[in-house]
C-alpha cells in the first residue's frame, strides 16, 4: 500500500465525504479507491488477455470473420439463422 499526503479542494473533500457516507466506507482512503475503481471501469479501456489476442489473430488469419455492407445485411443474416 502506498501512502500519500495530498491537497484537495473543498468541493472534492465534500464529494469524498458523500461517497464515503453513501457506500458505508471507513475512511477517505476507501472513498478515493472506490472513485478510482469506478473511473477505471467506466473510462479506461480494459487490457486484453494475451490468450484472447492470440485467438483473435488466429481467427483473422483463418478468415472466419465476415464483413457486412450495412446493418440491414447483418440483421437479415441474424434473423434468418
PDB file of N, CA and C in Angstrom:
ATOM      1  N   UNK A   1       0.842  -1.167   0.000  1.00  0.00           N
ATOM      2  CA  UNK A   1       0.000   0.000   0.000  1.00  0.00           C
ATOM      3  C   UNK A   1       0.892   1.236   0.000  1.00  0.00           C
ATOM      4  N   UNK A   2       0.491   2.215  -0.761  1.00  0.00           N
ATOM      5  CA  UNK A   2       1.228   3.464  -0.864  1.00  0.00           C
ATOM      6  C   UNK A   2       0.518   4.515  -0.025  1.00  0.00           C
ATOM      7  N   UNK A   3       1.289   5.284   0.721  1.00  0.00           N
ATOM      8  CA  UNK A   3       0.719   6.381   1.482  1.00  0.00           C
ATOM      9  C   UNK A   3       1.126   7.685   0.832  1.00  0.00           C
ATOM     10  N   UNK A   4       0.195   8.644   0.806  1.00  0.00           N
ATOM     11  CA  UNK A   4       0.477   9.925   0.183  1.00  0.00           C
ATOM     12  C   UNK A   4      -0.247  11.033   0.944  1.00  0.00           C
ATOM     13  N   UNK A   5       0.391  12.165   1.013  1.00  0.00           N
ATOM     14  CA  UNK A   5      -0.248  13.356   1.543  1.00  0.00           C
ATOM     15  C   UNK A   5      -0.682  14.150   0.324  1.00  0.00           C
ATOM     16  N   UNK A   6      -1.989  14.459   0.237  1.00  0.00           N
ATOM     17  CA  UNK A   6      -2.500  15.156  -0.941  1.00  0.00           C
ATOM     18  C   UNK A   6      -3.243  16.415  -0.524  1.00  0.00           C
ATOM     19  N   UNK A   7      -3.283  17.353  -1.426  1.00  0.00           N
ATOM     20  CA  UNK A   7      -4.066  18.573  -1.242  1.00  0.00           C
ATOM     21  C   UNK A   7      -5.249  18.501  -2.196  1.00  0.00           C
ATOM     22  N   UNK A   8      -6.456  18.596  -1.641  1.00  0.00           N
ATOM     23  CA  UNK A   8      -7.643  18.577  -2.484  1.00  0.00           C
ATOM     24  C   UNK A   8      -8.484  19.805  -2.183  1.00  0.00           C
ATOM     25  N   UNK A   9      -9.271  20.180  -3.147  1.00  0.00           N
ATOM     26  CA  UNK A   9     -10.146  21.335  -2.990  1.00  0.00           C
ATOM     27  C   UNK A   9     -11.286  20.996  -2.036  1.00  0.00           C
ATOM     28  N   UNK A  10     -11.918  22.011  -1.508  1.00  0.00           N
ATOM     29  CA  UNK A  10     -13.027  21.824  -0.567  1.00  0.00           C
ATOM     30  C   UNK A  10     -14.167  21.030  -1.204  1.00  0.00           C
ATOM     31  N   UNK A  11     -14.489  21.325  -2.450  1.00  0.00           N
ATOM     32  CA  UNK A  11     -15.562  20.614  -3.153  1.00  0.00           C
ATOM     33  C   UNK A  11     -15.223  19.128  -3.290  1.00  0.00           C
ATOM     34  N   UNK A  12     -13.980  18.808  -3.625  1.00  0.00           N
ATOM     35  CA  UNK A  12     -13.553  17.409  -3.735  1.00  0.00           C
ATOM     36  C   UNK A  12     -13.657  16.718  -2.388  1.00  0.00           C
ATOM     37  N   UNK A  13     -13.315  17.413  -1.336  1.00  0.00           N
ATOM     38  CA  UNK A  13     -13.422  16.873   0.005  1.00  0.00           C
ATOM     39  C   UNK A  13     -14.877  16.544   0.339  1.00  0.00           C
ATOM     40  N   UNK A  14     -15.794  17.423  -0.036  1.00  0.00           N
ATOM     41  CA  UNK A  14     -17.221  17.177   0.212  1.00  0.00           C
ATOM     42  C   UNK A  14     -17.704  15.955  -0.569  1.00  0.00           C
ATOM     43  N   UNK A  15     -17.261  15.866  -1.823  1.00  0.00           N
ATOM     44  CA  UNK A  15     -17.664  14.719  -2.651  1.00  0.00           C
ATOM     45  C   UNK A  15     -17.146  13.421  -2.035  1.00  0.00           C
ATOM     46  N   UNK A  16     -15.907  13.412  -1.589  1.00  0.00           N
ATOM     47  CA  UNK A  16     -15.359  12.215  -0.950  1.00  0.00           C
ATOM     48  C   UNK A  16     -16.144  11.847   0.297  1.00  0.00           C
ATOM     49  N   UNK A  17     -16.539  12.848   1.073  1.00  0.00           N
ATOM     50  CA  UNK A  17     -17.351  12.583   2.265  1.00  0.00           C
ATOM     51  C   UNK A  17     -18.706  11.985   1.891  1.00  0.00           C
ATOM     52  N   UNK A  18     -19.301  12.470   0.792  1.00  0.00           N
ATOM     53  CA  UNK A  18     -20.583  11.925   0.346  1.00  0.00           C
ATOM     54  C   UNK A  18     -20.427  10.487  -0.135  1.00  0.00           C
ATOM     55  N   UNK A  19     -19.371  10.215  -0.890  1.00  0.00           N
ATOM     56  CA  UNK A  19     -19.108   8.848  -1.365  1.00  0.00           C
ATOM     57  C   UNK A  19     -18.893   7.930  -0.175  1.00  0.00           C
ATOM     58  N   UNK A  20     -18.108   8.401   0.779  1.00  0.00           N
ATOM     59  CA  UNK A  20     -17.827   7.631   1.994  1.00  0.00           C
ATOM     60  C   UNK A  20     -19.119   7.285   2.730  1.00  0.00           C
ATOM     61  N   UNK A  21     -20.000   8.265   2.884  1.00  0.00           N
ATOM     62  CA  UNK A  21     -21.257   8.041   3.603  1.00  0.00           C
ATOM     63  C   UNK A  21     -22.215   7.153   2.804  1.00  0.00           C
ATOM     64  N   UNK A  22     -22.318   7.410   1.521  1.00  0.00           N
ATOM     65  CA  UNK A  22     -23.275   6.675   0.691  1.00  0.00           C
ATOM     66  C   UNK A  22     -22.960   5.188   0.631  1.00  0.00           C
ATOM     67  N   UNK A  23     -21.680   4.844   0.535  1.00  0.00           N
ATOM     68  CA  UNK A  23     -21.297   3.443   0.366  1.00  0.00           C
ATOM     69  C   UNK A  23     -20.782   2.809   1.662  1.00  0.00           C
ATOM     70  N   UNK A  24     -20.923   3.514   2.787  1.00  0.00           N
ATOM     71  CA  UNK A  24     -20.550   2.964   4.078  1.00  0.00           C
ATOM     72  C   UNK A  24     -19.074   2.632   4.194  1.00  0.00           C
ATOM     73  N   UNK A  25     -18.233   3.487   3.653  1.00  0.00           N
ATOM     74  CA  UNK A  25     -16.795   3.246   3.687  1.00  0.00           C
ATOM     75  C   UNK A  25     -16.204   3.753   4.998  1.00  0.00           C
ATOM     76  N   UNK A  26     -15.079   3.174   5.396  1.00  0.00           N
ATOM     77  CA  UNK A  26     -14.473   3.510   6.688  1.00  0.00           C
ATOM     78  C   UNK A  26     -13.820   4.880   6.709  1.00  0.00           C
ATOM     79  N   UNK A  27     -13.110   5.201   5.615  1.00  0.00           N
ATOM     80  CA  UNK A  27     -12.378   6.469   5.597  1.00  0.00           C
ATOM     81  C   UNK A  27     -12.271   7.002   4.173  1.00  0.00           C
ATOM     82  N   UNK A  28     -11.617   8.158   4.056  1.00  0.00           N
ATOM     83  CA  UNK A  28     -11.491   8.785   2.742  1.00  0.00           C
ATOM     84  C   UNK A  28     -10.591   7.991   1.805  1.00  0.00           C
ATOM     85  N   UNK A  29      -9.659   7.230   2.353  1.00  0.00           N
ATOM     86  CA  UNK A  29      -8.808   6.388   1.503  1.00  0.00           C
ATOM     87  C   UNK A  29      -9.661   5.389   0.736  1.00  0.00           C
ATOM     88  N   UNK A  30     -10.625   4.776   1.422  1.00  0.00           N
ATOM     89  CA  UNK A  30     -11.517   3.839   0.749  1.00  0.00           C
ATOM     90  C   UNK A  30     -12.389   4.564  -0.272  1.00  0.00           C
ATOM     91  N   UNK A  31     -12.798   5.785   0.044  1.00  0.00           N
ATOM     92  CA  UNK A  31     -13.606   6.572  -0.893  1.00  0.00           C
ATOM     93  C   UNK A  31     -12.803   6.889  -2.149  1.00  0.00           C
ATOM     94  N   UNK A  32     -11.555   7.268  -1.979  1.00  0.00           N
ATOM     95  CA  UNK A  32     -10.694   7.557  -3.134  1.00  0.00           C
ATOM     96  C   UNK A  32     -10.507   6.294  -3.961  1.00  0.00           C
ATOM     97  N   UNK A  33     -10.246   5.165  -3.305  1.00  0.00           N
ATOM     98  CA  UNK A  33     -10.074   3.911  -4.030  1.00  0.00           C
ATOM     99  C   UNK A  33     -11.337   3.539  -4.803  1.00  0.00           C
ATOM    100  N   UNK A  34     -12.490   3.765  -4.202  1.00  0.00           N
ATOM    101  CA  UNK A  34     -13.757   3.468  -4.868  1.00  0.00           C
ATOM    102  C   UNK A  34     -13.943   4.354  -6.102  1.00  0.00           C
ATOM    103  N   UNK A  35     -13.693   5.648  -5.949  1.00  0.00           N
ATOM    104  CA  UNK A  35     -13.855   6.578  -7.068  1.00  0.00           C
ATOM    105  C   UNK A  35     -12.901   6.198  -8.209  1.00  0.00           C
ATOM    106  N   UNK A  36     -11.680   5.847  -7.881  1.00  0.00           N
ATOM    107  CA  UNK A  36     -10.705   5.461  -8.902  1.00  0.00           C
ATOM    108  C   UNK A  36     -11.151   4.173  -9.593  1.00  0.00           C
ATOM    109  N   UNK A  37     -11.672   3.222  -8.832  1.00  0.00           N
ATOM    110  CA  UNK A  37     -12.148   1.960  -9.410  1.00  0.00           C
ATOM    111  C   UNK A  37     -13.298   2.195 -10.382  1.00  0.00           C
ATOM    112  N   UNK A  38     -14.249   3.042  -9.990  1.00  0.00           N
ATOM    113  CA  UNK A  38     -15.380   3.352 -10.862  1.00  0.00           C
ATOM    114  C   UNK A  38     -14.887   4.056 -12.123  1.00  0.00           C
ATOM    115  N   UNK A  39     -13.948   4.973 -11.993  1.00  0.00           N
ATOM    116  CA  UNK A  39     -13.385   5.673 -13.149  1.00  0.00           C
ATOM    117  C   UNK A  39     -12.717   4.674 -14.087  1.00  0.00           C
ATOM    118  N   UNK A  40     -11.941   3.776 -13.520  1.00  0.00           N
ATOM    119  CA  UNK A  40     -11.223   2.785 -14.331  1.00  0.00           C
ATOM    120  C   UNK A  40     -12.207   1.931 -15.127  1.00  0.00           C
ATOM    121  N   UNK A  41     -13.251   1.452 -14.482  1.00  0.00           N
ATOM    122  CA  UNK A  41     -14.234   0.611 -15.155  1.00  0.00           C
ATOM    123  C   UNK A  41     -15.010   1.366 -16.221  1.00  0.00           C
ATOM    124  N   UNK A  42     -15.260   2.643 -15.986  1.00  0.00           N
ATOM    125  CA  UNK A  42     -16.102   3.418 -16.887  1.00  0.00           C
ATOM    126  C   UNK A  42     -15.351   4.048 -18.050  1.00  0.00           C
ATOM    127  N   UNK A  43     -14.120   4.481 -17.826  1.00  0.00           N
ATOM    128  CA  UNK A  43     -13.470   5.314 -18.820  1.00  0.00           C
ATOM    129  C   UNK A  43     -12.185   4.755 -19.414  1.00  0.00           C
ATOM    130  N   UNK A  44     -11.539   3.853 -18.739  1.00  0.00           N
ATOM    131  CA  UNK A  44     -10.295   3.315 -19.257  1.00  0.00           C
ATOM    132  C   UNK A  44     -10.563   2.028 -20.015  1.00  0.00           C
ATOM    133  N   UNK A  45      -9.826   1.831 -21.087  1.00  0.00           N
ATOM    134  CA  UNK A  45     -10.003   0.617 -21.870  1.00  0.00           C
ATOM    135  C   UNK A  45      -9.386  -0.556 -21.129  1.00  0.00           C
ATOM    136  N   UNK A  46     -10.121  -1.647 -21.046  1.00  0.00           N
ATOM    137  CA  UNK A  46      -9.546  -2.806 -20.369  1.00  0.00           C
ATOM    138  C   UNK A  46      -8.439  -3.434 -21.210  1.00  0.00           C
ATOM    139  N   UNK A  47      -7.460  -3.969 -20.545  1.00  0.00           N
ATOM    140  CA  UNK A  47      -6.371  -4.630 -21.245  1.00  0.00           C
ATOM    141  C   UNK A  47      -6.819  -6.047 -21.578  1.00  0.00           C
ATOM    142  N   UNK A  48      -6.588  -6.454 -22.820  1.00  0.00           N
ATOM    143  CA  UNK A  48      -6.996  -7.787 -23.236  1.00  0.00           C
ATOM    144  C   UNK A  48      -5.976  -8.820 -22.780  1.00  0.00           C
ATOM    145  N   UNK A  49      -6.474  -9.986 -22.417  1.00  0.00           N
ATOM    146  CA  UNK A  49      -5.582 -11.071 -22.026  1.00  0.00           C
ATOM    147  C   UNK A  49      -4.809 -11.542 -23.250  1.00  0.00           C
ATOM    148  N   UNK A  50      -3.543 -11.905 -23.079  1.00  0.00           N
ATOM    149  CA  UNK A  50      -2.732 -12.358 -24.218  1.00  0.00           C
ATOM    150  C   UNK A  50      -3.352 -13.539 -24.963  1.00  0.00           C
ATOM    151  N   UNK A  51      -4.016 -14.453 -24.234  1.00  0.00           N
ATOM    152  CA  UNK A  51      -4.641 -15.601 -24.892  1.00  0.00           C
ATOM    153  C   UNK A  51      -5.750 -15.144 -25.837  1.00  0.00           C
ATOM    154  N   UNK A  52      -6.496 -14.139 -25.415  1.00  0.00           N
ATOM    155  CA  UNK A  52      -7.581 -13.632 -26.241  1.00  0.00           C
ATOM    156  C   UNK A  52      -7.039 -12.966 -27.497  1.00  0.00           C
ATOM    157  N   UNK A  53      -5.969 -12.200 -27.360  1.00  0.00           N
ATOM    158  CA  UNK A  53      -5.359 -11.543 -28.518  1.00  0.00           C
ATOM    159  C   UNK A  53      -4.883 -12.597 -29.516  1.00  0.00           C
ATOM    160  N   UNK A  54      -4.242 -13.662 -29.026  1.00  0.00           N
ATOM    161  CA  UNK A  54      -3.779 -14.740 -29.911  1.00  0.00           C
ATOM    162  C   UNK A  54      -4.950 -15.388 -30.636  1.00  0.00           C
ATOM    163  N   UNK A  55      -6.042 -15.617 -29.908  1.00  0.00           N
ATOM    164  CA  UNK A  55      -7.219 -16.257 -30.501  1.00  0.00           C
ATOM    165  C   UNK A  55      -7.798 -15.387 -31.616  1.00  0.00           C
ATOM    166  N   UNK A  56      -7.912 -14.093 -31.379  1.00  0.00           N
ATOM    167  CA  UNK A  56      -8.455 -13.181 -32.391  1.00  0.00           C
ATOM    168  C   UNK A  56      -7.545 -13.139 -33.613  1.00  0.00           C
ATOM    169  N   UNK A  57      -6.229 -13.071 -33.393  1.00  0.00           N
ATOM    170  CA  UNK A  57      -5.295 -13.048 -34.525  1.00  0.00           C
ATOM    171  C   UNK A  57      -5.401 -14.332 -35.342  1.00  0.00           C
ATOM    172  N   UNK A  58      -5.553 -15.464 -34.654  1.00  0.00           N
ATOM    173  CA  UNK A  58      -5.694 -16.744 -35.351  1.00  0.00           C
ATOM    174  C   UNK A  58      -6.980 -16.748 -36.180  1.00  0.00           C
ATOM    175  N   UNK A  59      -8.062 -16.251 -35.621  1.00  0.00           N
ATOM    176  CA  UNK A  59      -9.324 -16.177 -36.353  1.00  0.00           C
ATOM    177  C   UNK A  59      -9.214 -15.256 -37.569  1.00  0.00           C
ATOM    178  N   UNK A  60      -8.479 -14.150 -37.420  1.00  0.00           N
ATOM    179  CA  UNK A  60      -8.291 -13.229 -38.546  1.00  0.00           C
ATOM    180  C   UNK A  60      -7.527 -13.903 -39.676  1.00  0.00           C
ATOM    181  N   UNK A  61      -6.513 -14.693 -39.328  1.00  0.00           N
ATOM    182  CA  UNK A  61      -5.723 -15.392 -40.360  1.00  0.00           C
ATOM    183  C   UNK A  61      -6.563 -16.437 -41.085  1.00  0.00           C
ATOM    184  N   UNK A  62      -7.419 -17.137 -40.363  1.00  0.00           N
ATOM    185  CA  UNK A  62      -8.253 -18.177 -40.963  1.00  0.00           C
ATOM    186  C   UNK A  62      -9.352 -17.585 -41.829  1.00  0.00           C
ATOM    187  N   UNK A  63      -9.666 -16.348 -41.631  1.00  0.00           N
ATOM    188  CA  UNK A  63     -10.699 -15.701 -42.427  1.00  0.00           C
ATOM    189  C   UNK A  63     -12.106 -16.066 -41.985  1.00  0.00           C
ATOM    190  N   UNK A  64     -12.314 -16.336 -40.722  1.00  0.00           N
ATOM    191  CA  UNK A  64     -13.642 -16.713 -40.244  1.00  0.00           C
ATOM    192  C   UNK A  64     -14.528 -15.502 -39.953  1.00  0.00           C
ATOM    193  N   UNK A  65     -13.990 -14.308 -40.138  1.00  0.00           N
ATOM    194  CA  UNK A  65     -14.790 -13.105 -39.962  1.00  0.00           C
ATOM    195  C   UNK A  65     -15.515 -12.797 -41.260  1.00  0.00           C
ATOM    196  N   UNK A  66     -16.653 -12.159 -41.148  1.00  0.00           N
ATOM    197  CA  UNK A  66     -17.428 -11.798 -42.322  1.00  0.00           C
ATOM    198  C   UNK A  66     -17.728 -10.308 -42.270  1.00  0.00           C
ATOM    199  N   UNK A  67     -17.530  -9.640 -43.390  1.00  0.00           N
ATOM    200  CA  UNK A  67     -17.808  -8.203 -43.460  1.00  0.00           C
ATOM    201  C   UNK A  67     -19.202  -7.975 -44.020  1.00  0.00           C
ATOM    202  N   UNK A  68     -19.863  -6.954 -43.492  1.00  0.00           N
ATOM    203  CA  UNK A  68     -21.198  -6.595 -43.936  1.00  0.00           C
ATOM    204  C   UNK A  68     -21.173  -5.185 -44.493  1.00  0.00           C
ATOM    205  N   UNK A  69     -21.963  -4.974 -45.533  1.00  0.00           N
ATOM    206  CA  UNK A  69     -22.024  -3.653 -46.159  1.00  0.00           C
ATOM    207  C   UNK A  69     -22.813  -2.670 -45.305  1.00  0.00           C
ATOM    208  N   UNK A  70     -23.818  -3.194 -44.595  1.00  0.00           N
ATOM    209  CA  UNK A  70     -24.650  -2.334 -43.769  1.00  0.00           C
ATOM    210  C   UNK A  70     -25.327  -3.163 -42.681  1.00  0.00           C
ATOM    211  N   UNK A  71     -26.042  -2.496 -41.806  1.00  0.00           N
ATOM    212  CA  UNK A  71     -26.693  -3.155 -40.677  1.00  0.00           C
ATOM    213  C   UNK A  71     -27.835  -4.040 -41.167  1.00  0.00           C
ATOM    214  N   UNK A  72     -28.506  -3.625 -42.218  1.00  0.00           N
ATOM    215  CA  UNK A  72     -29.626  -4.415 -42.738  1.00  0.00           C
ATOM    216  C   UNK A  72     -29.152  -5.795 -43.186  1.00  0.00           C
ATOM    217  N   UNK A  73     -27.998  -5.856 -43.803  1.00  0.00           N
ATOM    218  CA  UNK A  73     -27.445  -7.127 -44.248  1.00  0.00           C
ATOM    219  C   UNK A  73     -27.142  -8.032 -43.051  1.00  0.00           C
ATOM    220  N   UNK A  74     -26.569  -7.473 -42.010  1.00  0.00           N
ATOM    221  CA  UNK A  74     -26.304  -8.237 -40.801  1.00  0.00           C
ATOM    222  C   UNK A  74     -27.598  -8.691 -40.149  1.00  0.00           C
ATOM    223  N   UNK A  75     -28.567  -7.810 -40.068  1.00  0.00           N
ATOM    224  CA  UNK A  75     -29.865  -8.137 -39.452  1.00  0.00           C
ATOM    225  C   UNK A  75     -30.523  -9.296 -40.216  1.00  0.00           C
ATOM    226  N   UNK A  76     -30.452  -9.259 -41.544  1.00  0.00           N
ATOM    227  CA  UNK A  76     -31.041 -10.323 -42.363  1.00  0.00           C
ATOM    228  C   UNK A  76     -30.396 -11.669 -42.035  1.00  0.00           C
ATOM    229  N   UNK A  77     -29.081 -11.689 -41.903  1.00  0.00           N
ATOM    230  CA  UNK A  77     -28.376 -12.920 -41.585  1.00  0.00           C
ATOM    231  C   UNK A  77     -28.768 -13.430 -40.203  1.00  0.00           C
ATOM    232  N   UNK A  78     -28.846 -12.533 -39.220  1.00  0.00           N
ATOM    233  CA  UNK A  78     -29.147 -12.925 -37.853  1.00  0.00           C
ATOM    234  C   UNK A  78     -30.594 -13.421 -37.741  1.00  0.00           C
ATOM    235  N   UNK A  79     -31.523 -12.735 -38.380  1.00  0.00           N
ATOM    236  CA  UNK A  79     -32.931 -13.113 -38.277  1.00  0.00           C
ATOM    237  C   UNK A  79     -33.224 -14.424 -38.991  1.00  0.00           C
ATOM    238  N   UNK A  80     -32.443 -14.762 -39.997  1.00  0.00           N
ATOM    239  CA  UNK A  80     -32.671 -15.996 -40.750  1.00  0.00           C
ATOM    240  C   UNK A  80     -31.869 -17.166 -40.187  1.00  0.00           C
ATOM    241  N   UNK A  81     -31.132 -16.932 -39.141  1.00  0.00           N
ATOM    242  CA  UNK A  81     -30.276 -18.011 -38.587  1.00  0.00           C
ATOM    243  C   UNK A  81     -31.080 -19.006 -37.794  1.00  0.00           C
TER     244      UNK A  81
END
